[in-house]
Amino acid sequence: MYMRMLLIGLALYVVAASAYIPIPRPRYIECVDSRECAKNECCSIGMGRFSVPVCKAMPEAGEPCSPDANPVALNVTYPDNAFVRLKNIYYNVCPCNLGLTCTRGSSTCTDPTSQELFNNLDFY
C-alpha cells in the first residue's frame, strides 16, 4: 500500500512539474513582449490568422497612429503546432513615441506641448 501511494505521488509530481517546463519559442517569433524590443519600438502583431509578432518603430510626430492602441495578451498557435503566449503587444500599430499623443480626429501623433491652448481670437 505504501509503495502504491509513493508511485501515485511521484506520478502526480512528474505531471505537475512538466506543466512548468518552458517551451522554447520558434525562431520566427521575434518578440513575445514589447519589453524585448528596442527603446522606441513595440511588439506588434497583424490581424491575419497566422501573423507573426515583430518589433516595430513607434510612430513619430505627424505619423499615423491608432487612438485605441492598447496592449493585449493572447495565445497563438501556428501551423507547425508551435504555441506562443504573447503579452504587452499591440495589434498592427504601436502607440506614439514617448511624449506624443495620438489625436483622435486626425489619427496622427502630435506633441501635446506644441498645441496652442487657445484659439487665435483677438481680445481687446
N, C-alpha and C. Protein backbone atom coordinates (compact mmCIF):
# COMPACT_ATOMS: atom_id res chain seq x y z
N MET A 1 0.82 -1.19 0.00
CA MET A 1 0.00 0.00 0.00
C MET A 1 0.87 1.26 0.00
N TYR A 2 1.92 1.27 0.83
CA TYR A 2 2.82 2.42 0.90
C TYR A 2 3.49 2.65 -0.44
N MET A 3 3.93 1.59 -1.10
CA MET A 3 4.61 1.69 -2.38
C MET A 3 3.67 2.25 -3.46
N ARG A 4 2.42 1.83 -3.41
CA ARG A 4 1.45 2.30 -4.38
C ARG A 4 1.21 3.81 -4.21
N MET A 5 1.06 4.26 -2.98
CA MET A 5 0.88 5.69 -2.71
C MET A 5 2.10 6.49 -3.13
N LEU A 6 3.27 5.93 -2.91
CA LEU A 6 4.50 6.59 -3.30
C LEU A 6 4.57 6.75 -4.83
N LEU A 7 4.20 5.72 -5.56
CA LEU A 7 4.20 5.77 -7.03
C LEU A 7 3.17 6.77 -7.55
N ILE A 8 2.01 6.79 -6.95
CA ILE A 8 0.98 7.76 -7.36
C ILE A 8 1.46 9.18 -7.09
N GLY A 9 2.06 9.41 -5.92
CA GLY A 9 2.60 10.73 -5.59
C GLY A 9 3.69 11.14 -6.55
N LEU A 10 4.57 10.24 -6.90
CA LEU A 10 5.65 10.52 -7.84
C LEU A 10 5.09 10.85 -9.22
N ALA A 11 4.08 10.10 -9.65
CA ALA A 11 3.45 10.35 -10.95
C ALA A 11 2.80 11.73 -10.98
N LEU A 12 2.11 12.10 -9.92
CA LEU A 12 1.49 13.43 -9.85
C LEU A 12 2.55 14.53 -9.87
N TYR A 13 3.65 14.31 -9.19
CA TYR A 13 4.74 15.29 -9.18
C TYR A 13 5.31 15.49 -10.58
N VAL A 14 5.53 14.40 -11.31
CA VAL A 14 6.07 14.49 -12.67
C VAL A 14 5.12 15.23 -13.58
N VAL A 15 3.84 14.94 -13.48
CA VAL A 15 2.84 15.63 -14.31
C VAL A 15 2.81 17.11 -13.98
N ALA A 16 2.81 17.45 -12.71
CA ALA A 16 2.77 18.86 -12.31
C ALA A 16 4.03 19.59 -12.72
N ALA A 17 5.18 18.96 -12.57
CA ALA A 17 6.44 19.60 -12.94
C ALA A 17 6.55 19.80 -14.45
N SER A 18 6.00 18.88 -15.22
CA SER A 18 6.10 19.01 -16.67
C SER A 18 5.27 20.17 -17.19
N ALA A 19 4.27 20.60 -16.45
CA ALA A 19 3.45 21.74 -16.86
C ALA A 19 4.24 23.05 -16.80
N TYR A 20 5.34 23.08 -16.05
CA TYR A 20 6.12 24.30 -15.88
C TYR A 20 7.42 24.28 -16.68
N ILE A 21 7.63 23.29 -17.50
CA ILE A 21 8.83 23.26 -18.33
C ILE A 21 8.65 24.27 -19.45
N PRO A 22 9.52 25.25 -19.55
CA PRO A 22 9.36 26.25 -20.61
C PRO A 22 9.60 25.64 -21.98
N ILE A 23 8.73 25.98 -22.91
CA ILE A 23 8.85 25.50 -24.28
C ILE A 23 9.60 26.57 -25.07
N PRO A 24 10.70 26.20 -25.73
CA PRO A 24 11.42 27.22 -26.48
C PRO A 24 10.56 27.76 -27.61
N ARG A 25 10.61 29.06 -27.81
CA ARG A 25 9.78 29.63 -28.86
C ARG A 25 10.43 29.42 -30.22
N PRO A 26 9.63 29.36 -31.26
CA PRO A 26 10.17 29.17 -32.61
C PRO A 26 11.07 30.34 -33.03
N ARG A 27 12.01 30.06 -33.90
CA ARG A 27 12.95 31.10 -34.35
C ARG A 27 12.26 32.22 -35.11
N TYR A 28 11.12 31.97 -35.70
CA TYR A 28 10.44 33.00 -36.49
C TYR A 28 9.67 34.00 -35.63
N ILE A 29 9.59 33.78 -34.34
CA ILE A 29 8.92 34.71 -33.43
C ILE A 29 9.96 35.70 -32.92
N GLU A 30 9.84 36.96 -33.35
CA GLU A 30 10.82 37.98 -32.98
C GLU A 30 10.65 38.46 -31.54
N CYS A 31 9.40 38.56 -31.09
CA CYS A 31 9.15 39.06 -29.74
C CYS A 31 7.87 38.45 -29.19
N VAL A 32 7.79 38.35 -27.88
CA VAL A 32 6.56 37.91 -27.21
C VAL A 32 6.08 38.97 -26.22
N ASP A 33 6.84 40.05 -26.09
CA ASP A 33 6.54 41.13 -25.16
C ASP A 33 7.24 42.38 -25.68
N SER A 34 6.60 43.53 -25.57
CA SER A 34 7.20 44.78 -26.07
C SER A 34 8.50 45.12 -25.35
N ARG A 35 8.69 44.60 -24.15
CA ARG A 35 9.94 44.87 -23.41
C ARG A 35 11.15 44.22 -24.07
N GLU A 36 10.92 43.28 -24.98
CA GLU A 36 12.02 42.64 -25.71
C GLU A 36 12.51 43.48 -26.88
N CYS A 37 11.76 44.49 -27.26
CA CYS A 37 12.11 45.33 -28.40
C CYS A 37 13.00 46.48 -27.97
N ALA A 38 13.56 47.19 -28.94
CA ALA A 38 14.43 48.34 -28.68
C ALA A 38 13.63 49.46 -28.00
N LYS A 39 14.34 50.47 -27.57
CA LYS A 39 13.75 51.56 -26.77
C LYS A 39 12.53 52.20 -27.42
N ASN A 40 12.58 52.55 -28.69
CA ASN A 40 11.47 53.24 -29.34
C ASN A 40 10.69 52.30 -30.26
N GLU A 41 10.53 51.05 -29.82
CA GLU A 41 9.79 50.06 -30.58
C GLU A 41 8.79 49.35 -29.67
N CYS A 42 7.82 48.69 -30.30
CA CYS A 42 6.88 47.84 -29.56
C CYS A 42 6.73 46.53 -30.31
N CYS A 43 6.22 45.54 -29.63
CA CYS A 43 5.94 44.24 -30.26
C CYS A 43 4.53 44.33 -30.83
N SER A 44 4.42 44.09 -32.13
CA SER A 44 3.16 44.26 -32.83
C SER A 44 2.83 43.01 -33.64
N ILE A 45 1.55 42.69 -33.71
CA ILE A 45 1.10 41.53 -34.48
C ILE A 45 -0.04 41.97 -35.38
N GLY A 46 -0.09 41.42 -36.59
CA GLY A 46 -1.15 41.75 -37.53
C GLY A 46 -2.44 41.04 -37.17
N MET A 47 -3.47 41.29 -37.96
CA MET A 47 -4.78 40.71 -37.70
C MET A 47 -4.98 39.39 -38.44
N GLY A 48 -4.02 38.99 -39.28
CA GLY A 48 -4.15 37.75 -40.04
C GLY A 48 -4.11 36.53 -39.15
N ARG A 49 -4.58 35.42 -39.67
CA ARG A 49 -4.71 34.19 -38.89
C ARG A 49 -3.40 33.70 -38.30
N PHE A 50 -2.33 33.71 -39.08
CA PHE A 50 -1.04 33.22 -38.60
C PHE A 50 0.00 34.35 -38.58
N SER A 51 -0.42 35.55 -38.19
CA SER A 51 0.50 36.68 -38.11
C SER A 51 1.60 36.39 -37.10
N VAL A 52 2.77 36.91 -37.38
CA VAL A 52 3.93 36.70 -36.53
C VAL A 52 4.28 38.03 -35.86
N PRO A 53 4.45 38.04 -34.55
CA PRO A 53 4.79 39.29 -33.87
C PRO A 53 6.21 39.75 -34.21
N VAL A 54 6.35 41.05 -34.45
CA VAL A 54 7.64 41.65 -34.78
C VAL A 54 7.78 42.97 -34.03
N CYS A 55 9.02 43.40 -33.84
CA CYS A 55 9.28 44.70 -33.24
C CYS A 55 9.12 45.77 -34.32
N LYS A 56 8.33 46.79 -34.03
CA LYS A 56 8.09 47.89 -34.96
C LYS A 56 8.42 49.20 -34.27
N ALA A 57 8.81 50.18 -35.08
CA ALA A 57 9.11 51.51 -34.55
C ALA A 57 7.83 52.20 -34.10
N MET A 58 7.91 52.90 -32.99
CA MET A 58 6.77 53.70 -32.53
C MET A 58 6.67 54.93 -33.42
N PRO A 59 5.46 55.33 -33.83
CA PRO A 59 5.30 56.47 -34.72
C PRO A 59 5.80 57.77 -34.09
N GLU A 60 6.37 58.60 -34.94
CA GLU A 60 6.86 59.93 -34.53
C GLU A 60 5.78 60.97 -34.82
N ALA A 61 6.04 62.23 -34.46
CA ALA A 61 5.09 63.32 -34.69
C ALA A 61 4.74 63.40 -36.17
N GLY A 62 3.43 63.49 -36.44
CA GLY A 62 2.93 63.59 -37.80
C GLY A 62 2.66 62.26 -38.48
N GLU A 63 3.11 61.17 -37.88
CA GLU A 63 2.89 59.86 -38.48
C GLU A 63 1.55 59.28 -38.02
N PRO A 64 0.97 58.37 -38.82
CA PRO A 64 -0.32 57.78 -38.46
C PRO A 64 -0.24 56.95 -37.18
N CYS A 65 -1.35 56.92 -36.45
CA CYS A 65 -1.43 56.15 -35.21
C CYS A 65 -2.86 55.68 -35.01
N SER A 66 -3.06 54.89 -34.00
CA SER A 66 -4.39 54.43 -33.64
C SER A 66 -4.72 54.93 -32.24
N PRO A 67 -5.75 55.76 -32.12
CA PRO A 67 -6.11 56.28 -30.79
C PRO A 67 -6.47 55.18 -29.79
N ASP A 68 -6.84 54.03 -30.30
CA ASP A 68 -7.26 52.93 -29.43
C ASP A 68 -6.17 51.88 -29.25
N ALA A 69 -4.92 52.23 -29.48
CA ALA A 69 -3.83 51.26 -29.34
C ALA A 69 -3.59 50.97 -27.87
N ASN A 70 -3.97 49.79 -27.45
CA ASN A 70 -3.77 49.34 -26.07
C ASN A 70 -3.08 47.99 -26.10
N PRO A 71 -2.20 47.73 -25.14
CA PRO A 71 -1.52 46.43 -25.14
C PRO A 71 -2.50 45.30 -24.83
N VAL A 72 -2.24 44.16 -25.43
CA VAL A 72 -3.09 42.98 -25.21
C VAL A 72 -2.22 41.78 -24.86
N ALA A 73 -2.83 40.77 -24.33
CA ALA A 73 -2.19 39.48 -24.08
C ALA A 73 -3.03 38.43 -24.79
N LEU A 74 -2.36 37.52 -25.50
CA LEU A 74 -3.07 36.47 -26.18
C LEU A 74 -2.18 35.27 -26.42
N ASN A 75 -2.79 34.16 -26.70
CA ASN A 75 -2.08 32.93 -27.03
C ASN A 75 -2.31 32.64 -28.50
N VAL A 76 -1.25 32.27 -29.21
CA VAL A 76 -1.38 31.95 -30.63
C VAL A 76 -0.78 30.57 -30.91
N THR A 77 -1.36 29.89 -31.88
CA THR A 77 -0.86 28.60 -32.32
C THR A 77 -0.63 28.69 -33.82
N TYR A 78 0.49 28.14 -34.27
CA TYR A 78 0.88 28.21 -35.68
C TYR A 78 0.75 26.84 -36.33
N PRO A 79 0.79 26.79 -37.67
CA PRO A 79 0.60 25.52 -38.38
C PRO A 79 1.59 24.42 -37.99
N ASP A 80 2.77 24.80 -37.50
CA ASP A 80 3.74 23.77 -37.07
C ASP A 80 3.48 23.33 -35.63
N ASN A 81 2.30 23.66 -35.09
CA ASN A 81 1.86 23.34 -33.73
C ASN A 81 2.62 24.09 -32.65
N ALA A 82 3.35 25.13 -33.02
CA ALA A 82 4.02 25.97 -32.02
C ALA A 82 2.95 26.78 -31.29
N PHE A 83 3.05 26.81 -29.97
CA PHE A 83 2.14 27.56 -29.11
C PHE A 83 2.94 28.66 -28.45
N VAL A 84 2.48 29.91 -28.57
CA VAL A 84 3.22 31.05 -28.04
C VAL A 84 2.28 31.93 -27.23
N ARG A 85 2.73 32.28 -26.02
CA ARG A 85 1.99 33.21 -25.16
C ARG A 85 2.56 34.61 -25.40
N LEU A 86 1.71 35.54 -25.79
CA LEU A 86 2.12 36.92 -26.04
C LEU A 86 1.51 37.81 -24.98
N LYS A 87 2.26 38.82 -24.54
CA LYS A 87 1.73 39.78 -23.59
C LYS A 87 2.35 41.14 -23.87
N ASN A 88 1.60 42.19 -23.54
CA ASN A 88 2.07 43.55 -23.73
C ASN A 88 2.44 43.79 -25.20
N ILE A 89 1.58 43.32 -26.11
CA ILE A 89 1.80 43.54 -27.54
C ILE A 89 0.63 44.35 -28.10
N TYR A 90 0.81 44.84 -29.31
CA TYR A 90 -0.19 45.70 -29.94
C TYR A 90 -0.63 45.11 -31.27
N TYR A 91 -1.89 45.36 -31.64
CA TYR A 91 -2.38 44.95 -32.94
C TYR A 91 -2.00 46.01 -33.98
N ASN A 92 -1.32 45.61 -35.01
CA ASN A 92 -0.99 46.41 -36.19
C ASN A 92 -0.11 47.63 -35.94
N VAL A 93 -0.49 48.53 -35.05
CA VAL A 93 0.19 49.81 -34.89
C VAL A 93 0.67 50.00 -33.46
N CYS A 94 1.90 50.44 -33.32
CA CYS A 94 2.42 50.76 -31.99
C CYS A 94 1.82 52.08 -31.51
N PRO A 95 1.84 52.32 -30.21
CA PRO A 95 1.42 53.63 -29.71
C PRO A 95 2.46 54.68 -30.11
N CYS A 96 2.09 55.93 -30.03
CA CYS A 96 3.01 57.02 -30.36
C CYS A 96 4.25 56.96 -29.49
N ASN A 97 5.35 57.48 -30.02
CA ASN A 97 6.60 57.51 -29.29
C ASN A 97 6.43 58.32 -28.00
N LEU A 98 7.35 58.13 -27.07
CA LEU A 98 7.27 58.77 -25.76
C LEU A 98 7.08 60.28 -25.87
N GLY A 99 6.15 60.81 -25.10
CA GLY A 99 5.88 62.24 -25.08
C GLY A 99 4.87 62.68 -26.12
N LEU A 100 4.47 61.80 -27.02
CA LEU A 100 3.50 62.15 -28.06
C LEU A 100 2.16 61.51 -27.73
N THR A 101 1.09 62.08 -28.27
CA THR A 101 -0.24 61.50 -28.10
C THR A 101 -0.88 61.32 -29.47
N CYS A 102 -1.79 60.39 -29.56
CA CYS A 102 -2.50 60.14 -30.81
C CYS A 102 -3.77 60.98 -30.82
N THR A 103 -3.84 61.90 -31.75
CA THR A 103 -5.01 62.77 -31.88
C THR A 103 -6.14 61.98 -32.53
N ARG A 104 -7.26 61.91 -31.85
CA ARG A 104 -8.37 61.09 -32.32
C ARG A 104 -8.91 61.54 -33.67
N GLY A 105 -9.06 62.80 -33.92
CA GLY A 105 -9.64 63.29 -35.17
C GLY A 105 -8.79 62.99 -36.40
N SER A 106 -7.49 63.22 -36.29
CA SER A 106 -6.60 63.04 -37.45
C SER A 106 -5.86 61.71 -37.43
N SER A 107 -5.91 61.01 -36.32
CA SER A 107 -5.17 59.74 -36.14
C SER A 107 -3.70 59.91 -36.49
N THR A 108 -3.12 61.01 -35.98
CA THR A 108 -1.68 61.24 -36.14
C THR A 108 -1.08 61.55 -34.78
N CYS A 109 0.19 61.23 -34.63
CA CYS A 109 0.90 61.51 -33.39
C CYS A 109 1.23 63.00 -33.32
N THR A 110 0.95 63.61 -32.20
CA THR A 110 1.24 65.02 -32.01
C THR A 110 1.91 65.24 -30.66
N ASP A 111 2.62 66.35 -30.58
CA ASP A 111 3.26 66.74 -29.32
C ASP A 111 2.28 67.63 -28.57
N PRO A 112 1.74 67.18 -27.45
CA PRO A 112 0.73 67.98 -26.75
C PRO A 112 1.27 69.31 -26.23
N THR A 113 2.56 69.43 -26.05
CA THR A 113 3.11 70.70 -25.56
C THR A 113 3.23 71.74 -26.66
N SER A 114 3.13 71.34 -27.93
CA SER A 114 3.25 72.30 -29.01
C SER A 114 1.89 72.81 -29.49
N GLN A 115 0.81 72.26 -28.97
CA GLN A 115 -0.52 72.70 -29.38
C GLN A 115 -0.90 73.97 -28.63
N GLU A 116 -1.56 74.86 -29.35
CA GLU A 116 -1.99 76.09 -28.71
C GLU A 116 -3.12 75.78 -27.75
N LEU A 117 -3.07 76.44 -26.61
CA LEU A 117 -4.10 76.21 -25.61
C LEU A 117 -5.38 76.98 -25.93
N PHE A 118 -5.27 78.04 -26.68
CA PHE A 118 -6.43 78.85 -27.03
C PHE A 118 -6.46 79.04 -28.53
N ASN A 119 -7.63 79.41 -29.06
CA ASN A 119 -7.69 79.69 -30.49
C ASN A 119 -7.11 81.07 -30.77
N ASN A 120 -7.11 81.47 -32.01
CA ASN A 120 -6.45 82.72 -32.41
C ASN A 120 -7.36 83.93 -32.39
N LEU A 121 -8.34 83.99 -31.51
CA LEU A 121 -9.21 85.15 -31.41
C LEU A 121 -8.46 86.28 -30.71
N ASP A 122 -8.69 87.47 -31.20
CA ASP A 122 -8.08 88.66 -30.57
C ASP A 122 -9.02 89.20 -29.52
N PHE A 123 -8.51 89.43 -28.36
CA PHE A 123 -9.32 90.01 -27.29
C PHE A 123 -8.87 91.44 -27.06
N TYR A 124 -9.82 92.38 -27.11
CA TYR A 124 -9.49 93.80 -26.90
C TYR A 124 -10.10 94.29 -25.64
